[in-house]
């Protein structure tokens, strides 16, 4: 009996693939206290805009930022993790790119 080359060895836990990482849901549009347009901006500007606008918000308030920079799907979640904010969603935006919804940590 042969085993599939992708199957884990018996008794060895499988290694999660990069796609298995927990990520923000591609949820329907979430209401935000502040909307920011970062379309056309490239790294690191979407993160810098998010940081500046979040500094004006109280903990628990929500910022939505729309960005079409391909690196934003890595940079904005990383920024949220490092800065203590919650990434609520990262869904495709009708305006293009993705709409990242961030709740300010406190």
Foldseek 3Di string as FASTA:
>chain_A
DDDDPQDDDPPDDDDDDPVPDDDAAQDPDDDAPEEEEAEPPEPPVQVVVVVVVLVVDDAFGKYKYFYAHPCCSVPVVVSCVVQVKDFNHWHADPVGHTITMIGHHD
